[in-house]
Amino acid sequence: MIPGNQQGGPQGPKQAGGVIGSLSDGWKVMHDTGHDVMVDLIMVQVISLFIGAFILLATQGHKMSSNNLTWTVGSVMVMFVLSGAVYRRLARS
């Protein structure tokens, strides 16, 4: 039994000192997150790309060549479809 632990539960991870211990603790915390947090992080990136492409289209669309305009409109559509697909999957679970 751990001193001060009345339930006799498992001992937590041993804390290492110094830089290596800090890196190890950070790595454990980063990989112990749930799946929903990772999906949220990905969605933040998709939404920021969507907003960036839309702002680019709204502010510089009249100056773009037809090729650049096609790629920008296509990227806005792809980001919109991707975000809708992820949110639809999240709504089911």
PDB file of N, CA and C in Angstrom:
ATOM      1  N   MET A   1       0.847  -1.177   0.000  1.00  0.00           N
ATOM      2  CA  MET A   1       0.000   0.000   0.000  1.00  0.00           C
ATOM      3  C   MET A   1       0.888   1.234   0.000  1.00  0.00           C
ATOM      4  N   ILE A   2       0.470   2.234  -0.749  1.00  0.00           N
ATOM      5  CA  ILE A   2       1.204   3.488  -0.860  1.00  0.00           C
ATOM      6  C   ILE A   2       0.946   4.306   0.401  1.00  0.00           C
ATOM      7  N   PRO A   3       1.996   4.885   0.984  1.00  0.00           N
ATOM      8  CA  PRO A   3       1.763   5.732   2.158  1.00  0.00           C
ATOM      9  C   PRO A   3       0.827   6.887   1.804  1.00  0.00           C
ATOM     10  N   GLY A   4      -0.187   7.062   2.590  1.00  0.00           N
ATOM     11  CA  GLY A   4      -1.156   8.123   2.367  1.00  0.00           C
ATOM     12  C   GLY A   4      -2.284   7.696   1.441  1.00  0.00           C
ATOM     13  N   ASN A   5      -2.192   6.514   0.839  1.00  0.00           N
ATOM     14  CA  ASN A   5      -3.239   6.008  -0.033  1.00  0.00           C
ATOM     15  C   ASN A   5      -3.992   4.927   0.726  1.00  0.00           C
ATOM     16  N   GLN A   6      -5.169   5.231   1.195  1.00  0.00           N
ATOM     17  CA  GLN A   6      -5.912   4.309   2.031  1.00  0.00           C
ATOM     18  C   GLN A   6      -6.585   3.202   1.241  1.00  0.00           C
ATOM     19  N   GLN A   7      -6.838   3.399  -0.063  1.00  0.00           N
ATOM     20  CA  GLN A   7      -7.510   2.377  -0.841  1.00  0.00           C
ATOM     21  C   GLN A   7      -6.557   1.307  -1.342  1.00  0.00           C
ATOM     22  N   GLY A   8      -5.283   1.561  -1.361  1.00  0.00           N
ATOM     23  CA  GLY A   8      -4.335   0.572  -1.834  1.00  0.00           C
ATOM     24  C   GLY A   8      -4.353   0.432  -3.345  1.00  0.00           C
ATOM     25  N   GLY A   9      -4.732   1.483  -4.060  1.00  0.00           N
ATOM     26  CA  GLY A   9      -4.825   1.451  -5.517  1.00  0.00           C
ATOM     27  C   GLY A   9      -3.457   1.442  -6.170  1.00  0.00           C
ATOM     28  N   PRO A  10      -3.454   1.380  -7.474  1.00  0.00           N
ATOM     29  CA  PRO A  10      -2.180   1.348  -8.188  1.00  0.00           C
ATOM     30  C   PRO A  10      -1.422   2.653  -8.037  1.00  0.00           C
ATOM     31  N   GLN A  11      -0.133   2.539  -8.091  1.00  0.00           N
ATOM     32  CA  GLN A  11       0.727   3.699  -7.958  1.00  0.00           C
ATOM     33  C   GLN A  11       0.777   4.439  -9.284  1.00  0.00           C
ATOM     34  N   GLY A  12       0.785   5.751  -9.256  1.00  0.00           N
ATOM     35  CA  GLY A  12       0.866   6.559 -10.465  1.00  0.00           C
ATOM     36  C   GLY A  12       2.231   6.439 -11.109  1.00  0.00           C
ATOM     37  N   PRO A  13       2.419   7.062 -12.271  1.00  0.00           N
ATOM     38  CA  PRO A  13       3.703   6.972 -12.951  1.00  0.00           C
ATOM     39  C   PRO A  13       4.794   7.635 -12.134  1.00  0.00           C
ATOM     40  N   LYS A  14       5.959   7.023 -12.155  1.00  0.00           N
ATOM     41  CA  LYS A  14       7.093   7.552 -11.414  1.00  0.00           C
ATOM     42  C   LYS A  14       7.558   8.830 -12.091  1.00  0.00           C
ATOM     43  N   GLN A  15       7.699   9.876 -11.349  1.00  0.00           N
ATOM     44  CA  GLN A  15       8.101  11.164 -11.892  1.00  0.00           C
ATOM     45  C   GLN A  15       9.611  11.215 -12.019  1.00  0.00           C
ATOM     46  N   ALA A  16      10.083  11.414 -13.229  1.00  0.00           N
ATOM     47  CA  ALA A  16      11.506  11.581 -13.463  1.00  0.00           C
ATOM     48  C   ALA A  16      11.814  13.067 -13.404  1.00  0.00           C
ATOM     49  N   GLY A  17      13.020  13.387 -13.019  1.00  0.00           N
ATOM     50  CA  GLY A  17      13.394  14.781 -12.901  1.00  0.00           C
ATOM     51  C   GLY A  17      14.047  15.295 -14.165  1.00  0.00           C
ATOM     52  N   GLY A  18      14.176  16.593 -14.250  1.00  0.00           N
ATOM     53  CA  GLY A  18      14.904  17.212 -15.341  1.00  0.00           C
ATOM     54  C   GLY A  18      14.124  17.314 -16.632  1.00  0.00           C
ATOM     55  N   VAL A  19      14.865  17.562 -17.697  1.00  0.00           N
ATOM     56  CA  VAL A  19      14.273  17.771 -19.007  1.00  0.00           C
ATOM     57  C   VAL A  19      13.646  16.488 -19.533  1.00  0.00           C
ATOM     58  N   ILE A  20      14.317  15.353 -19.334  1.00  0.00           N
ATOM     59  CA  ILE A  20      13.806  14.076 -19.821  1.00  0.00           C
ATOM     60  C   ILE A  20      12.479  13.749 -19.145  1.00  0.00           C
ATOM     61  N   GLY A  21      12.368  14.017 -17.865  1.00  0.00           N
ATOM     62  CA  GLY A  21      11.119  13.769 -17.158  1.00  0.00           C
ATOM     63  C   GLY A  21       9.996  14.651 -17.655  1.00  0.00           C
ATOM     64  N   SER A  22      10.316  15.907 -17.944  1.00  0.00           N
ATOM     65  CA  SER A  22       9.305  16.824 -18.465  1.00  0.00           C
ATOM     66  C   SER A  22       8.829  16.389 -19.843  1.00  0.00           C
ATOM     67  N   LEU A  23       9.763  15.988 -20.701  1.00  0.00           N
ATOM     68  CA  LEU A  23       9.385  15.502 -22.022  1.00  0.00           C
ATOM     69  C   LEU A  23       8.550  14.232 -21.928  1.00  0.00           C
ATOM     70  N   SER A  24       8.940  13.354 -21.032  1.00  0.00           N
ATOM     71  CA  SER A  24       8.201  12.101 -20.859  1.00  0.00           C
ATOM     72  C   SER A  24       6.783  12.369 -20.366  1.00  0.00           C
ATOM     73  N   ASP A  25       6.649  13.247 -19.397  1.00  0.00           N
ATOM     74  CA  ASP A  25       5.315  13.585 -18.881  1.00  0.00           C
ATOM     75  C   ASP A  25       4.460  14.253 -19.946  1.00  0.00           C
ATOM     76  N   GLY A  26       5.063  15.137 -20.741  1.00  0.00           N
ATOM     77  CA  GLY A  26       4.321  15.787 -21.815  1.00  0.00           C
ATOM     78  C   GLY A  26       3.872  14.802 -22.876  1.00  0.00           C
ATOM     79  N   TRP A  27       4.727  13.838 -23.194  1.00  0.00           N
ATOM     80  CA  TRP A  27       4.384  12.817 -24.192  1.00  0.00           C
ATOM     81  C   TRP A  27       3.213  11.966 -23.696  1.00  0.00           C
ATOM     82  N   LYS A  28       3.237  11.593 -22.411  1.00  0.00           N
ATOM     83  CA  LYS A  28       2.149  10.784 -21.848  1.00  0.00           C
ATOM     84  C   LYS A  28       0.828  11.545 -21.873  1.00  0.00           C
ATOM     85  N   VAL A  29       0.863  12.804 -21.497  1.00  0.00           N
ATOM     86  CA  VAL A  29      -0.359  13.609 -21.472  1.00  0.00           C
ATOM     87  C   VAL A  29      -0.900  13.783 -22.880  1.00  0.00           C
ATOM     88  N   MET A  30      -0.004  13.989 -23.848  1.00  0.00           N
ATOM     89  CA  MET A  30      -0.438  14.210 -25.218  1.00  0.00           C
ATOM     90  C   MET A  30      -1.096  12.961 -25.799  1.00  0.00           C
ATOM     91  N   HIS A  31      -0.603  11.785 -25.456  1.00  0.00           N
ATOM     92  CA  HIS A  31      -1.149  10.560 -26.030  1.00  0.00           C
ATOM     93  C   HIS A  31      -2.250   9.925 -25.188  1.00  0.00           C
ATOM     94  N   ASP A  32      -2.527  10.455 -24.023  1.00  0.00           N
ATOM     95  CA  ASP A  32      -3.615   9.928 -23.203  1.00  0.00           C
ATOM     96  C   ASP A  32      -4.930  10.647 -23.457  1.00  0.00           C
ATOM     97  N   THR A  33      -4.960  11.531 -24.432  1.00  0.00           N
ATOM     98  CA  THR A  33      -6.204  12.248 -24.716  1.00  0.00           C
ATOM     99  C   THR A  33      -7.190  11.327 -25.406  1.00  0.00           C
ATOM    100  N   GLY A  34      -8.445  11.646 -25.265  1.00  0.00           N
ATOM    101  CA  GLY A  34      -9.483  10.855 -25.901  1.00  0.00           C
ATOM    102  C   GLY A  34      -9.564  11.134 -27.393  1.00  0.00           C
ATOM    103  N   HIS A  35     -10.303  10.336 -28.102  1.00  0.00           N
ATOM    104  CA  HIS A  35     -10.448  10.470 -29.552  1.00  0.00           C
ATOM    105  C   HIS A  35     -11.155  11.768 -29.923  1.00  0.00           C
ATOM    106  N   ASP A  36     -12.093  12.190 -29.121  1.00  0.00           N
ATOM    107  CA  ASP A  36     -12.855  13.397 -29.427  1.00  0.00           C
ATOM    108  C   ASP A  36     -11.965  14.632 -29.470  1.00  0.00           C
ATOM    109  N   VAL A  37     -10.941  14.670 -28.622  1.00  0.00           N
ATOM    110  CA  VAL A  37     -10.045  15.816 -28.607  1.00  0.00           C
ATOM    111  C   VAL A  37      -9.261  15.872 -29.911  1.00  0.00           C
ATOM    112  N   MET A  38      -8.819  14.733 -30.403  1.00  0.00           N
ATOM    113  CA  MET A  38      -8.067  14.704 -31.650  1.00  0.00           C
ATOM    114  C   MET A  38      -8.953  15.116 -32.824  1.00  0.00           C
ATOM    115  N   VAL A  39     -10.200  14.686 -32.830  1.00  0.00           N
ATOM    116  CA  VAL A  39     -11.126  15.091 -33.889  1.00  0.00           C
ATOM    117  C   VAL A  39     -11.346  16.594 -33.825  1.00  0.00           C
ATOM    118  N   ASP A  40     -11.465  17.137 -32.632  1.00  0.00           N
ATOM    119  CA  ASP A  40     -11.638  18.582 -32.489  1.00  0.00           C
ATOM    120  C   ASP A  40     -10.432  19.338 -33.026  1.00  0.00           C
ATOM    121  N   LEU A  41      -9.236  18.830 -32.767  1.00  0.00           N
ATOM    122  CA  LEU A  41      -8.037  19.490 -33.259  1.00  0.00           C
ATOM    123  C   LEU A  41      -7.985  19.473 -34.787  1.00  0.00           C
ATOM    124  N   ILE A  42      -8.371  18.362 -35.381  1.00  0.00           N
ATOM    125  CA  ILE A  42      -8.405  18.273 -36.837  1.00  0.00           C
ATOM    126  C   ILE A  42      -9.461  19.208 -37.405  1.00  0.00           C
ATOM    127  N   MET A  43     -10.621  19.261 -36.747  1.00  0.00           N
ATOM    128  CA  MET A  43     -11.692  20.123 -37.234  1.00  0.00           C
ATOM    129  C   MET A  43     -11.310  21.604 -37.167  1.00  0.00           C
ATOM    130  N   VAL A  44     -10.535  21.991 -36.174  1.00  0.00           N
ATOM    131  CA  VAL A  44     -10.073  23.374 -36.096  1.00  0.00           C
ATOM    132  C   VAL A  44      -9.228  23.698 -37.323  1.00  0.00           C
ATOM    133  N   GLN A  45      -8.382  22.762 -37.741  1.00  0.00           N
ATOM    134  CA  GLN A  45      -7.559  22.995 -38.924  1.00  0.00           C
ATOM    135  C   GLN A  45      -8.408  23.079 -40.192  1.00  0.00           C
ATOM    136  N   VAL A  46      -9.385  22.181 -40.322  1.00  0.00           N
ATOM    137  CA  VAL A  46     -10.243  22.181 -41.516  1.00  0.00           C
ATOM    138  C   VAL A  46     -11.056  23.467 -41.582  1.00  0.00           C
ATOM    139  N   ILE A  47     -11.614  23.876 -40.459  1.00  0.00           N
ATOM    140  CA  ILE A  47     -12.425  25.094 -40.437  1.00  0.00           C
ATOM    141  C   ILE A  47     -11.567  26.330 -40.716  1.00  0.00           C
ATOM    142  N   SER A  48     -10.347  26.368 -40.196  1.00  0.00           N
ATOM    143  CA  SER A  48      -9.488  27.525 -40.457  1.00  0.00           C
ATOM    144  C   SER A  48      -9.083  27.588 -41.931  1.00  0.00           C
ATOM    145  N   LEU A  49      -8.841  26.433 -42.565  1.00  0.00           N
ATOM    146  CA  LEU A  49      -8.560  26.431 -44.001  1.00  0.00           C
ATOM    147  C   LEU A  49      -9.776  26.885 -44.798  1.00  0.00           C
ATOM    148  N   PHE A  50     -10.964  26.453 -44.367  1.00  0.00           N
ATOM    149  CA  PHE A  50     -12.213  26.860 -45.024  1.00  0.00           C
ATOM    150  C   PHE A  50     -12.401  28.372 -44.938  1.00  0.00           C
ATOM    151  N   ILE A  51     -12.223  28.920 -43.754  1.00  0.00           N
ATOM    152  CA  ILE A  51     -12.397  30.358 -43.561  1.00  0.00           C
ATOM    153  C   ILE A  51     -11.339  31.143 -44.333  1.00  0.00           C
ATOM    154  N   GLY A  52     -10.090  30.657 -44.306  1.00  0.00           N
ATOM    155  CA  GLY A  52      -9.024  31.338 -45.035  1.00  0.00           C
ATOM    156  C   GLY A  52      -9.280  31.365 -46.533  1.00  0.00           C
ATOM    157  N   ALA A  53      -9.704  30.226 -47.088  1.00  0.00           N
ATOM    158  CA  ALA A  53      -9.992  30.178 -48.526  1.00  0.00           C
ATOM    159  C   ALA A  53     -11.187  31.057 -48.872  1.00  0.00           C
ATOM    160  N   PHE A  54     -12.191  31.090 -47.999  1.00  0.00           N
ATOM    161  CA  PHE A  54     -13.369  31.929 -48.251  1.00  0.00           C
ATOM    162  C   PHE A  54     -12.999  33.409 -48.198  1.00  0.00           C
ATOM    163  N   ILE A  55     -12.179  33.807 -47.242  1.00  0.00           N
ATOM    164  CA  ILE A  55     -11.758  35.210 -47.148  1.00  0.00           C
ATOM    165  C   ILE A  55     -10.917  35.595 -48.361  1.00  0.00           C
ATOM    166  N   LEU A  56     -10.043  34.678 -48.777  1.00  0.00           N
ATOM    167  CA  LEU A  56      -9.255  34.932 -49.974  1.00  0.00           C
ATOM    168  C   LEU A  56     -10.158  35.106 -51.190  1.00  0.00           C
ATOM    169  N   LEU A  57     -11.165  34.269 -51.288  1.00  0.00           N
ATOM    170  CA  LEU A  57     -12.108  34.354 -52.403  1.00  0.00           C
ATOM    171  C   LEU A  57     -12.918  35.648 -52.344  1.00  0.00           C
ATOM    172  N   ALA A  58     -13.357  36.024 -51.156  1.00  0.00           N
ATOM    173  CA  ALA A  58     -14.196  37.214 -51.009  1.00  0.00           C
ATOM    174  C   ALA A  58     -13.421  38.506 -51.243  1.00  0.00           C
ATOM    175  N   THR A  59     -12.162  38.534 -50.849  1.00  0.00           N
ATOM    176  CA  THR A  59     -11.417  39.790 -50.953  1.00  0.00           C
ATOM    177  C   THR A  59     -10.610  39.915 -52.244  1.00  0.00           C
ATOM    178  N   GLN A  60     -10.135  38.802 -52.782  1.00  0.00           N
ATOM    179  CA  GLN A  60      -9.270  38.864 -53.960  1.00  0.00           C
ATOM    180  C   GLN A  60      -9.830  38.114 -55.156  1.00  0.00           C
ATOM    181  N   GLY A  61     -11.073  37.678 -55.082  1.00  0.00           N
ATOM    182  CA  GLY A  61     -11.661  36.889 -56.159  1.00  0.00           C
ATOM    183  C   GLY A  61     -11.730  37.610 -57.482  1.00  0.00           C
ATOM    184  N   HIS A  62     -11.986  38.898 -57.449  1.00  0.00           N
ATOM    185  CA  HIS A  62     -12.102  39.653 -58.692  1.00  0.00           C
ATOM    186  C   HIS A  62     -10.759  39.871 -59.383  1.00  0.00           C
ATOM    187  N   LYS A  63      -9.656  39.716 -58.648  1.00  0.00           N
ATOM    188  CA  LYS A  63      -8.321  39.894 -59.219  1.00  0.00           C
ATOM    189  C   LYS A  63      -7.679  38.579 -59.665  1.00  0.00           C
ATOM    190  N   MET A  64      -8.272  37.436 -59.295  1.00  0.00           N
ATOM    191  CA  MET A  64      -7.657  36.133 -59.564  1.00  0.00           C
ATOM    192  C   MET A  64      -7.839  35.720 -61.018  1.00  0.00           C
ATOM    193  N   SER A  65      -6.868  34.939 -61.480  1.00  0.00           N
ATOM    194  CA  SER A  65      -7.027  34.332 -62.798  1.00  0.00           C
ATOM    195  C   SER A  65      -8.044  33.202 -62.686  1.00  0.00           C
ATOM    196  N   SER A  66      -8.526  32.724 -63.812  1.00  0.00           N
ATOM    197  CA  SER A  66      -9.554  31.678 -63.771  1.00  0.00           C
ATOM    198  C   SER A  66      -9.029  30.387 -63.148  1.00  0.00           C
ATOM    199  N   ASN A  67      -7.766  30.085 -63.347  1.00  0.00           N
ATOM    200  CA  ASN A  67      -7.185  28.873 -62.759  1.00  0.00           C
ATOM    201  C   ASN A  67      -7.129  28.974 -61.234  1.00  0.00           C
ATOM    202  N   ASN A  68      -6.639  30.104 -60.723  1.00  0.00           N
ATOM    203  CA  ASN A  68      -6.578  30.295 -59.266  1.00  0.00           C
ATOM    204  C   ASN A  68      -7.970  30.338 -58.652  1.00  0.00           C
ATOM    205  N   LEU A  69      -8.886  30.971 -59.337  1.00  0.00           N
ATOM    206  CA  LEU A  69     -10.251  31.055 -58.849  1.00  0.00           C
ATOM    207  C   LEU A  69     -10.899  29.670 -58.770  1.00  0.00           C
ATOM    208  N   THR A  70     -10.642  28.839 -59.760  1.00  0.00           N
ATOM    209  CA  THR A  70     -11.174  27.477 -59.760  1.00  0.00           C
ATOM    210  C   THR A  70     -10.636  26.679 -58.584  1.00  0.00           C
ATOM    211  N   TRP A  71      -9.329  26.777 -58.338  1.00  0.00           N
ATOM    212  CA  TRP A  71      -8.732  26.052 -57.214  1.00  0.00           C
ATOM    213  C   TRP A  71      -9.266  26.555 -55.868  1.00  0.00           C
ATOM    214  N   THR A  72      -9.454  27.846 -55.743  1.00  0.00           N
ATOM    215  CA  THR A  72      -9.952  28.401 -54.480  1.00  0.00           C
ATOM    216  C   THR A  72     -11.396  27.983 -54.226  1.00  0.00           C
ATOM    217  N   VAL A  73     -12.240  28.071 -55.245  1.00  0.00           N
ATOM    218  CA  VAL A  73     -13.638  27.638 -55.091  1.00  0.00           C
ATOM    219  C   VAL A  73     -13.692  26.141 -54.797  1.00  0.00           C
ATOM    220  N   GLY A  74     -12.854  25.366 -55.474  1.00  0.00           N
ATOM    221  CA  GLY A  74     -12.800  23.924 -55.214  1.00  0.00           C
ATOM    222  C   GLY A  74     -12.362  23.609 -53.797  1.00  0.00           C
ATOM    223  N   SER A  75     -11.382  24.343 -53.281  1.00  0.00           N
ATOM    224  CA  SER A  75     -10.930  24.099 -51.908  1.00  0.00           C
ATOM    225  C   SER A  75     -11.999  24.484 -50.896  1.00  0.00           C
ATOM    226  N   VAL A  76     -12.742  25.560 -51.153  1.00  0.00           N
ATOM    227  CA  VAL A  76     -13.843  25.935 -50.258  1.00  0.00           C
ATOM    228  C   VAL A  76     -14.887  24.820 -50.227  1.00  0.00           C
ATOM    229  N   MET A  77     -15.209  24.282 -51.389  1.00  0.00           N
ATOM    230  CA  MET A  77     -16.201  23.197 -51.445  1.00  0.00           C
ATOM    231  C   MET A  77     -15.702  21.938 -50.726  1.00  0.00           C
ATOM    232  N   VAL A  78     -14.443  21.587 -50.940  1.00  0.00           N
ATOM    233  CA  VAL A  78     -13.887  20.387 -50.295  1.00  0.00           C
ATOM    234  C   VAL A  78     -13.869  20.550 -48.779  1.00  0.00           C
ATOM    235  N   MET A  79     -13.449  21.708 -48.277  1.00  0.00           N
ATOM    236  CA  MET A  79     -13.418  21.935 -46.826  1.00  0.00           C
ATOM    237  C   MET A  79     -14.830  21.914 -46.242  1.00  0.00           C
ATOM    238  N   PHE A  80     -15.799  22.445 -46.976  1.00  0.00           N
ATOM    239  CA  PHE A  80     -17.183  22.426 -46.511  1.00  0.00           C
ATOM    240  C   PHE A  80     -17.694  20.990 -46.422  1.00  0.00           C
ATOM    241  N   VAL A  81     -17.413  20.177 -47.427  1.00  0.00           N
ATOM    242  CA  VAL A  81     -17.856  18.778 -47.432  1.00  0.00           C
ATOM    243  C   VAL A  81     -17.145  17.988 -46.332  1.00  0.00           C
ATOM    244  N   LEU A  82     -15.845  18.223 -46.155  1.00  0.00           N
ATOM    245  CA  LEU A  82     -15.099  17.521 -45.103  1.00  0.00           C
ATOM    246  C   LEU A  82     -15.643  17.839 -43.714  1.00  0.00           C
ATOM    247  N   SER A  83     -15.885  19.115 -43.449  1.00  0.00           N
ATOM    248  CA  SER A  83     -16.396  19.475 -42.121  1.00  0.00           C
ATOM    249  C   SER A  83     -17.797  18.904 -41.910  1.00  0.00           C
ATOM    250  N   GLY A  84     -18.630  18.902 -42.938  1.00  0.00           N
ATOM    251  CA  GLY A  84     -19.964  18.301 -42.810  1.00  0.00           C
ATOM    252  C   GLY A  84     -19.903  16.810 -42.562  1.00  0.00           C
ATOM    253  N   ALA A  85     -18.991  16.116 -43.225  1.00  0.00           N
ATOM    254  CA  ALA A  85     -18.861  14.666 -43.037  1.00  0.00           C
ATOM    255  C   ALA A  85     -18.392  14.325 -41.629  1.00  0.00           C
ATOM    256  N   VAL A  86     -17.448  15.097 -41.116  1.00  0.00           N
ATOM    257  CA  VAL A  86     -16.948  14.815 -39.757  1.00  0.00           C
ATOM    258  C   VAL A  86     -18.031  15.107 -38.729  1.00  0.00           C
ATOM    259  N   TYR A  87     -18.731  16.214 -38.867  1.00  0.00           N
ATOM    260  CA  TYR A  87     -19.784  16.532 -37.901  1.00  0.00           C
ATOM    261  C   TYR A  87     -20.946  15.543 -37.989  1.00  0.00           C
ATOM    262  N   ARG A  88     -21.245  15.041 -39.166  1.00  0.00           N
ATOM    263  CA  ARG A  88     -22.280  14.019 -39.306  1.00  0.00           C
ATOM    264  C   ARG A  88     -21.878  12.743 -38.572  1.00  0.00           C
ATOM    265  N   ARG A  89     -20.613  12.359 -38.707  1.00  0.00           N
ATOM    266  CA  ARG A  89     -20.117  11.160 -38.012  1.00  0.00           C
ATOM    267  C   ARG A  89     -20.109  11.364 -36.513  1.00  0.00           C
ATOM    268  N   LEU A  90     -19.771  12.582 -36.057  1.00  0.00           N
ATOM    269  CA  LEU A  90     -19.786  12.860 -34.625  1.00  0.00           C
ATOM    270  C   LEU A  90     -21.213  12.838 -34.076  1.00  0.00           C
ATOM    271  N   ALA A  91     -22.171  13.259 -34.876  1.00  0.00           N
ATOM    272  CA  ALA A  91     -23.563  13.285 -34.411  1.00  0.00           C
ATOM    273  C   ALA A  91     -24.107  11.878 -34.228  1.00  0.00           C
ATOM    274  N   ARG A  92     -23.617  10.922 -35.028  1.00  0.00           N
ATOM    275  CA  ARG A  92     -24.082   9.532 -34.894  1.00  0.00           C
ATOM    276  C   ARG A  92     -23.566   8.872 -33.622  1.00  0.00           C
ATOM    277  N   SER A  93     -22.360   9.227 -33.212  1.00  0.00           N
ATOM    278  CA  SER A  93     -21.774   8.555 -32.046  1.00  0.00           C
ATOM    279  C   SER A  93     -22.149   9.189 -30.742  1.00  0.00           C
TER     280      SER A  93
END
